[in-house]
Amino acid sequence: MQRVQVYSRKGCHLCEAAIATLRDLQKELDFVIEEIEIDENVLLQAKYGDLVPVIHINDVHHDFYRLDPERFRKALS
């Protein structure tokens, strides 16, 4: 099964929107979502900062800021 990692921050409305979109996409595609909050991790804060949400598919960078459902579908297939 494919894994989708979402690097996010508390109170991030773009992060919440991306996760909601991913949950909708789970209804048609087979993957699990791993939410990773960067607020308590200095290394992740330095790496991603304000770029969140950062989306990885199976540990490979896919997107940041906004999730494009069509692009995501193509990447998963």
PDB file of N, CA and C in Angstrom:
ATOM      1  N   MET A   1       0.850  -1.176   0.000  1.00  0.00           N
ATOM      2  CA  MET A   1       0.000   0.000   0.000  1.00  0.00           C
ATOM      3  C   MET A   1       0.897   1.241   0.000  1.00  0.00           C
ATOM      4  N   GLN A   2       0.475   2.236  -0.734  1.00  0.00           N
ATOM      5  CA  GLN A   2       1.251   3.466  -0.819  1.00  0.00           C
ATOM      6  C   GLN A   2       1.013   4.338   0.409  1.00  0.00           C
ATOM      7  N   ARG A   3       2.063   5.096   0.781  1.00  0.00           N
ATOM      8  CA  ARG A   3       1.988   5.981   1.936  1.00  0.00           C
ATOM      9  C   ARG A   3       2.124   7.425   1.480  1.00  0.00           C
ATOM     10  N   VAL A   4       1.293   8.272   2.041  1.00  0.00           N
ATOM     11  CA  VAL A   4       1.350   9.704   1.757  1.00  0.00           C
ATOM     12  C   VAL A   4       1.648  10.419   3.068  1.00  0.00           C
ATOM     13  N   GLN A   5       2.776  11.123   3.099  1.00  0.00           N
ATOM     14  CA  GLN A   5       3.157  11.869   4.276  1.00  0.00           C
ATOM     15  C   GLN A   5       2.771  13.335   4.071  1.00  0.00           C
ATOM     16  N   VAL A   6       2.149  13.909   5.086  1.00  0.00           N
ATOM     17  CA  VAL A   6       1.764  15.320   5.057  1.00  0.00           C
ATOM     18  C   VAL A   6       2.494  16.016   6.200  1.00  0.00           C
ATOM     19  N   TYR A   7       3.453  16.845   5.859  1.00  0.00           N
ATOM     20  CA  TYR A   7       4.165  17.646   6.857  1.00  0.00           C
ATOM     21  C   TYR A   7       3.354  18.918   7.060  1.00  0.00           C
ATOM     22  N   SER A   8       2.968  19.174   8.313  1.00  0.00           N
ATOM     23  CA  SER A   8       2.045  20.284   8.577  1.00  0.00           C
ATOM     24  C   SER A   8       2.400  20.987   9.878  1.00  0.00           C
ATOM     25  N   ARG A   9       1.647  22.056  10.147  1.00  0.00           N
ATOM     26  CA  ARG A   9       1.808  22.826  11.384  1.00  0.00           C
ATOM     27  C   ARG A   9       0.437  23.024  12.008  1.00  0.00           C
ATOM     28  N   LYS A  10       0.427  23.247  13.308  1.00  0.00           N
ATOM     29  CA  LYS A  10      -0.831  23.522  14.005  1.00  0.00           C
ATOM     30  C   LYS A  10      -1.450  24.806  13.458  1.00  0.00           C
ATOM     31  N   GLY A  11      -2.767  24.778  13.269  1.00  0.00           N
ATOM     32  CA  GLY A  11      -3.491  25.969  12.846  1.00  0.00           C
ATOM     33  C   GLY A  11      -3.302  26.348  11.391  1.00  0.00           C
ATOM     34  N   CYS A  12      -2.726  25.488  10.598  1.00  0.00           N
ATOM     35  CA  CYS A  12      -2.471  25.766   9.181  1.00  0.00           C
ATOM     36  C   CYS A  12      -3.706  25.401   8.359  1.00  0.00           C
ATOM     37  N   HIS A  13      -4.392  26.409   7.821  1.00  0.00           N
ATOM     38  CA  HIS A  13      -5.615  26.125   7.056  1.00  0.00           C
ATOM     39  C   HIS A  13      -5.316  25.404   5.744  1.00  0.00           C
ATOM     40  N   LEU A  14      -4.171  25.654   5.129  1.00  0.00           N
ATOM     41  CA  LEU A  14      -3.813  24.930   3.908  1.00  0.00           C
ATOM     42  C   LEU A  14      -3.544  23.460   4.217  1.00  0.00           C
ATOM     43  N   CYS A  15      -2.966  23.202   5.382  1.00  0.00           N
ATOM     44  CA  CYS A  15      -2.722  21.816   5.803  1.00  0.00           C
ATOM     45  C   CYS A  15      -4.041  21.079   6.010  1.00  0.00           C
ATOM     46  N   GLU A  16      -4.967  21.731   6.675  1.00  0.00           N
ATOM     47  CA  GLU A  16      -6.282  21.136   6.916  1.00  0.00           C
ATOM     48  C   GLU A  16      -6.998  20.848   5.599  1.00  0.00           C
ATOM     49  N   ALA A  17      -6.906  21.762   4.648  1.00  0.00           N
ATOM     50  CA  ALA A  17      -7.540  21.570   3.343  1.00  0.00           C
ATOM     51  C   ALA A  17      -6.892  20.409   2.587  1.00  0.00           C
ATOM     52  N   ALA A  18      -5.560  20.319   2.640  1.00  0.00           N
ATOM     53  CA  ALA A  18      -4.864  19.232   1.948  1.00  0.00           C
ATOM     54  C   ALA A  18      -5.252  17.881   2.536  1.00  0.00           C
ATOM     55  N   ILE A  19      -5.304  17.792   3.849  1.00  0.00           N
ATOM     56  CA  ILE A  19      -5.673  16.526   4.500  1.00  0.00           C
ATOM     57  C   ILE A  19      -7.117  16.160   4.176  1.00  0.00           C
ATOM     58  N   ALA A  20      -8.013  17.138   4.149  1.00  0.00           N
ATOM     59  CA  ALA A  20      -9.413  16.863   3.788  1.00  0.00           C
ATOM     60  C   ALA A  20      -9.497  16.350   2.350  1.00  0.00           C
ATOM     61  N   THR A  21      -8.740  16.940   1.450  1.00  0.00           N
ATOM     62  CA  THR A  21      -8.721  16.487   0.052  1.00  0.00           C
ATOM     63  C   THR A  21      -8.178  15.074  -0.040  1.00  0.00           C
ATOM     64  N   LEU A  22      -7.110  14.797   0.700  1.00  0.00           N
ATOM     65  CA  LEU A  22      -6.546  13.440   0.697  1.00  0.00           C
ATOM     66  C   LEU A  22      -7.548  12.423   1.235  1.00  0.00           C
ATOM     67  N   ARG A  23      -8.276  12.779   2.272  1.00  0.00           N
ATOM     68  CA  ARG A  23      -9.284  11.851   2.816  1.00  0.00           C
ATOM     69  C   ARG A  23     -10.374  11.567   1.783  1.00  0.00           C
ATOM     70  N   ASP A  24     -10.753  12.576   1.005  1.00  0.00           N
ATOM     71  CA  ASP A  24     -11.722  12.354  -0.073  1.00  0.00           C
ATOM     72  C   ASP A  24     -11.135  11.425  -1.134  1.00  0.00           C
ATOM     73  N   LEU A  25      -9.863  11.631  -1.468  1.00  0.00           N
ATOM     74  CA  LEU A  25      -9.208  10.805  -2.486  1.00  0.00           C
ATOM     75  C   LEU A  25      -9.028   9.364  -2.030  1.00  0.00           C
ATOM     76  N   GLN A  26      -8.957   9.135  -0.712  1.00  0.00           N
ATOM     77  CA  GLN A  26      -8.835   7.773  -0.194  1.00  0.00           C
ATOM     78  C   GLN A  26     -10.050   6.921  -0.539  1.00  0.00           C
ATOM     79  N   LYS A  27     -11.170   7.555  -0.819  1.00  0.00           N
ATOM     80  CA  LYS A  27     -12.387   6.816  -1.179  1.00  0.00           C
ATOM     81  C   LYS A  27     -12.239   6.123  -2.527  1.00  0.00           C
ATOM     82  N   GLU A  28     -11.333   6.631  -3.367  1.00  0.00           N
ATOM     83  CA  GLU A  28     -11.153   6.044  -4.694  1.00  0.00           C
ATOM     84  C   GLU A  28      -9.771   5.451  -4.929  1.00  0.00           C
ATOM     85  N   LEU A  29      -8.793   5.830  -4.106  1.00  0.00           N
ATOM     86  CA  LEU A  29      -7.417   5.370  -4.278  1.00  0.00           C
ATOM     87  C   LEU A  29      -6.946   4.669  -3.009  1.00  0.00           C
ATOM     88  N   ASP A  30      -6.025   3.722  -3.177  1.00  0.00           N
ATOM     89  CA  ASP A  30      -5.547   2.919  -2.059  1.00  0.00           C
ATOM     90  C   ASP A  30      -4.237   3.488  -1.512  1.00  0.00           C
ATOM     91  N   PHE A  31      -4.312   4.235  -0.403  1.00  0.00           N
ATOM     92  CA  PHE A  31      -3.130   4.779   0.245  1.00  0.00           C
ATOM     93  C   PHE A  31      -3.458   5.114   1.697  1.00  0.00           C
ATOM     94  N   VAL A  32      -2.417   5.233   2.504  1.00  0.00           N
ATOM     95  CA  VAL A  32      -2.579   5.645   3.895  1.00  0.00           C
ATOM     96  C   VAL A  32      -1.957   7.030   4.056  1.00  0.00           C
ATOM     97  N   ILE A  33      -2.512   7.795   4.973  1.00  0.00           N
ATOM     98  CA  ILE A  33      -2.035   9.148   5.240  1.00  0.00           C
ATOM     99  C   ILE A  33      -1.272   9.154   6.558  1.00  0.00           C
ATOM    100  N   GLU A  34      -0.073   9.714   6.521  1.00  0.00           N
ATOM    101  CA  GLU A  34       0.712   9.925   7.737  1.00  0.00           C
ATOM    102  C   GLU A  34       0.835  11.433   7.937  1.00  0.00           C
ATOM    103  N   GLU A  35       0.256  11.934   9.000  1.00  0.00           N
ATOM    104  CA  GLU A  35       0.356  13.360   9.314  1.00  0.00           C
ATOM    105  C   GLU A  35       1.568  13.568  10.213  1.00  0.00           C
ATOM    106  N   ILE A  36       2.458  14.459   9.810  1.00  0.00           N
ATOM    107  CA  ILE A  36       3.674  14.731  10.562  1.00  0.00           C
ATOM    108  C   ILE A  36       3.702  16.222  10.883  1.00  0.00           C
ATOM    109  N   GLU A  37       3.544  16.531  12.159  1.00  0.00           N
ATOM    110  CA  GLU A  37       3.538  17.921  12.591  1.00  0.00           C
ATOM    111  C   GLU A  37       4.977  18.378  12.821  1.00  0.00           C
ATOM    112  N   ILE A  38       5.355  19.488  12.215  1.00  0.00           N
ATOM    113  CA  ILE A  38       6.747  19.923  12.284  1.00  0.00           C
ATOM    114  C   ILE A  38       7.023  20.908  13.417  1.00  0.00           C
ATOM    115  N   ASP A  39       5.997  21.380  14.107  1.00  0.00           N
ATOM    116  CA  ASP A  39       6.178  22.424  15.119  1.00  0.00           C
ATOM    117  C   ASP A  39       7.160  22.046  16.228  1.00  0.00           C
ATOM    118  N   GLU A  40       7.223  20.799  16.606  1.00  0.00           N
ATOM    119  CA  GLU A  40       8.080  20.374  17.714  1.00  0.00           C
ATOM    120  C   GLU A  40       9.419  19.812  17.240  1.00  0.00           C
ATOM    121  N   ASN A  41       9.685  19.862  15.940  1.00  0.00           N
ATOM    122  CA  ASN A  41      10.903  19.276  15.390  1.00  0.00           C
ATOM    123  C   ASN A  41      11.722  20.370  14.705  1.00  0.00           C
ATOM    124  N   VAL A  42      12.824  20.748  15.324  1.00  0.00           N
ATOM    125  CA  VAL A  42      13.651  21.845  14.819  1.00  0.00           C
ATOM    126  C   VAL A  42      14.174  21.559  13.408  1.00  0.00           C
ATOM    127  N   LEU A  43      14.577  20.323  13.158  1.00  0.00           N
ATOM    128  CA  LEU A  43      15.104  19.975  11.836  1.00  0.00           C
ATOM    129  C   LEU A  43      14.037  20.105  10.753  1.00  0.00           C
ATOM    130  N   LEU A  44      12.826  19.621  11.043  1.00  0.00           N
ATOM    131  CA  LEU A  44      11.748  19.733  10.058  1.00  0.00           C
ATOM    132  C   LEU A  44      11.311  21.181   9.884  1.00  0.00           C
ATOM    133  N   GLN A  45      11.337  21.956  10.953  1.00  0.00           N
ATOM    134  CA  GLN A  45      11.001  23.379  10.835  1.00  0.00           C
ATOM    135  C   GLN A  45      11.996  24.078   9.916  1.00  0.00           C
ATOM    136  N   ALA A  46      13.267  23.764  10.081  1.00  0.00           N
ATOM    137  CA  ALA A  46      14.297  24.376   9.245  1.00  0.00           C
ATOM    138  C   ALA A  46      14.153  23.947   7.786  1.00  0.00           C
ATOM    139  N   LYS A  47      13.758  22.705   7.581  1.00  0.00           N
ATOM    140  CA  LYS A  47      13.642  22.170   6.220  1.00  0.00           C
ATOM    141  C   LYS A  47      12.399  22.683   5.505  1.00  0.00           C
ATOM    142  N   TYR A  48      11.248  22.720   6.202  1.00  0.00           N
ATOM    143  CA  TYR A  48       9.979  23.038   5.539  1.00  0.00           C
ATOM    144  C   TYR A  48       9.398  24.399   5.911  1.00  0.00           C
ATOM    145  N   GLY A  49       9.693  24.894   7.103  1.00  0.00           N
ATOM    146  CA  GLY A  49       9.247  26.226   7.516  1.00  0.00           C
ATOM    147  C   GLY A  49       7.820  26.553   7.136  1.00  0.00           C
ATOM    148  N   ASP A  50       7.661  27.572   6.304  1.00  0.00           N
ATOM    149  CA  ASP A  50       6.334  28.025   5.885  1.00  0.00           C
ATOM    150  C   ASP A  50       5.871  27.387   4.578  1.00  0.00           C
ATOM    151  N   LEU A  51       6.543  26.362   4.106  1.00  0.00           N
ATOM    152  CA  LEU A  51       6.149  25.694   2.865  1.00  0.00           C
ATOM    153  C   LEU A  51       4.982  24.735   3.060  1.00  0.00           C
ATOM    154  N   VAL A  52       4.584  24.518   4.301  1.00  0.00           N
ATOM    155  CA  VAL A  52       3.556  23.522   4.604  1.00  0.00           C
ATOM    156  C   VAL A  52       2.203  23.887   4.006  1.00  0.00           C
ATOM    157  N   PRO A  53       1.404  22.899   3.674  1.00  0.00           N
ATOM    158  CA  PRO A  53       1.703  21.483   3.802  1.00  0.00           C
ATOM    159  C   PRO A  53       2.684  21.017   2.724  1.00  0.00           C
ATOM    160  N   VAL A  54       3.563  20.113   3.116  1.00  0.00           N
ATOM    161  CA  VAL A  54       4.464  19.459   2.179  1.00  0.00           C
ATOM    162  C   VAL A  54       3.975  18.023   2.063  1.00  0.00           C
ATOM    163  N   ILE A  55       3.768  17.583   0.828  1.00  0.00           N
ATOM    164  CA  ILE A  55       3.223  16.248   0.568  1.00  0.00           C
ATOM    165  C   ILE A  55       4.320  15.370  -0.031  1.00  0.00           C
ATOM    166  N   HIS A  56       4.520  14.192   0.560  1.00  0.00           N
ATOM    167  CA  HIS A  56       5.419  13.187   0.012  1.00  0.00           C
ATOM    168  C   HIS A  56       4.596  11.937  -0.291  1.00  0.00           C
ATOM    169  N   ILE A  57       4.965  11.255  -1.339  1.00  0.00           N
ATOM    170  CA  ILE A  57       4.371   9.955  -1.666  1.00  0.00           C
ATOM    171  C   ILE A  57       5.485   8.930  -1.543  1.00  0.00           C
ATOM    172  N   ASN A  58       5.317   8.002  -0.610  1.00  0.00           N
ATOM    173  CA  ASN A  58       6.333   6.979  -0.339  1.00  0.00           C
ATOM    174  C   ASN A  58       7.704   7.617  -0.121  1.00  0.00           C
ATOM    175  N   ASP A  59       7.742   8.658   0.691  1.00  0.00           N
ATOM    176  CA  ASP A  59       8.970   9.363   1.078  1.00  0.00           C
ATOM    177  C   ASP A  59       9.611  10.185  -0.035  1.00  0.00           C
ATOM    178  N   VAL A  60       8.917  10.383  -1.131  1.00  0.00           N
ATOM    179  CA  VAL A  60       9.431  11.198  -2.238  1.00  0.00           C
ATOM    180  C   VAL A  60       8.575  12.455  -2.350  1.00  0.00           C
ATOM    181  N   HIS A  61       9.238  13.604  -2.406  1.00  0.00           N
ATOM    182  CA  HIS A  61       8.512  14.878  -2.472  1.00  0.00           C
ATOM    183  C   HIS A  61       7.546  14.891  -3.661  1.00  0.00           C
ATOM    184  N   HIS A  62       6.329  15.335  -3.382  1.00  0.00           N
ATOM    185  CA  HIS A  62       5.308  15.448  -4.436  1.00  0.00           C
ATOM    186  C   HIS A  62       4.864  16.890  -4.621  1.00  0.00           C
ATOM    187  N   ASP A  63       4.517  17.591  -3.549  1.00  0.00           N
ATOM    188  CA  ASP A  63       3.921  18.916  -3.691  1.00  0.00           C
ATOM    189  C   ASP A  63       4.043  19.692  -2.387  1.00  0.00           C
ATOM    190  N   PHE A  64       3.734  20.987  -2.461  1.00  0.00           N
ATOM    191  CA  PHE A  64       3.647  21.803  -1.261  1.00  0.00           C
ATOM    192  C   PHE A  64       2.606  22.889  -1.477  1.00  0.00           C
ATOM    193  N   TYR A  65       2.193  23.533  -0.409  1.00  0.00           N
ATOM    194  CA  TYR A  65       1.148  24.557  -0.338  1.00  0.00           C
ATOM    195  C   TYR A  65      -0.245  24.009  -0.649  1.00  0.00           C
ATOM    196  N   ARG A  66      -0.504  23.669  -1.874  1.00  0.00           N
ATOM    197  CA  ARG A  66      -1.846  23.180  -2.250  1.00  0.00           C
ATOM    198  C   ARG A  66      -1.729  21.837  -2.958  1.00  0.00           C
ATOM    199  N   LEU A  67      -2.702  20.995  -2.688  1.00  0.00           N
ATOM    200  CA  LEU A  67      -2.723  19.671  -3.295  1.00  0.00           C
ATOM    201  C   LEU A  67      -3.622  19.706  -4.526  1.00  0.00           C
ATOM    202  N   ASP A  68      -3.071  19.358  -5.667  1.00  0.00           N
ATOM    203  CA  ASP A  68      -3.832  19.272  -6.914  1.00  0.00           C
ATOM    204  C   ASP A  68      -4.320  17.830  -7.061  1.00  0.00           C
ATOM    205  N   PRO A  69      -5.624  17.588  -6.927  1.00  0.00           N
ATOM    206  CA  PRO A  69      -6.138  16.208  -6.962  1.00  0.00           C
ATOM    207  C   PRO A  69      -5.784  15.449  -8.238  1.00  0.00           C
ATOM    208  N   GLU A  70      -5.833  16.089  -9.393  1.00  0.00           N
ATOM    209  CA  GLU A  70      -5.526  15.391 -10.646  1.00  0.00           C
ATOM    210  C   GLU A  70      -4.046  15.002 -10.712  1.00  0.00           C
ATOM    211  N   ARG A  71      -3.188  15.900 -10.318  1.00  0.00           N
ATOM    212  CA  ARG A  71      -1.756  15.613 -10.303  1.00  0.00           C
ATOM    213  C   ARG A  71      -1.467  14.501  -9.301  1.00  0.00           C
ATOM    214  N   PHE A  72      -2.157  14.519  -8.169  1.00  0.00           N
ATOM    215  CA  PHE A  72      -1.981  13.480  -7.168  1.00  0.00           C
ATOM    216  C   PHE A  72      -2.425  12.116  -7.710  1.00  0.00           C
ATOM    217  N   ARG A  73      -3.570  12.074  -8.361  1.00  0.00           N
ATOM    218  CA  ARG A  73      -4.052  10.814  -8.936  1.00  0.00           C
ATOM    219  C   ARG A  73      -3.022  10.237  -9.904  1.00  0.00           C
ATOM    220  N   LYS A  74      -2.484  11.081 -10.765  1.00  0.00           N
ATOM    221  CA  LYS A  74      -1.479  10.622 -11.746  1.00  0.00           C
ATOM    222  C   LYS A  74      -0.230  10.108 -11.044  1.00  0.00           C
ATOM    223  N   ALA A  75       0.185  10.784  -9.982  1.00  0.00           N
ATOM    224  CA  ALA A  75       1.387  10.358  -9.265  1.00  0.00           C
ATOM    225  C   ALA A  75       1.189   9.011  -8.578  1.00  0.00           C
ATOM    226  N   LEU A  76      -0.016   8.737  -8.136  1.00  0.00           N
ATOM    227  CA  LEU A  76      -0.282   7.477  -7.452  1.00  0.00           C
ATOM    228  C   LEU A  76      -0.452   6.314  -8.417  1.00  0.00           C
ATOM    229  N   SER A  77      -0.765   6.605  -9.660  1.00  0.00           N
ATOM    230  CA  SER A  77      -0.998   5.500 -10.616  1.00  0.00           C
ATOM    231  C   SER A  77       0.278   5.032 -11.286  1.00  0.00           C
TER     232      SER A  77
END
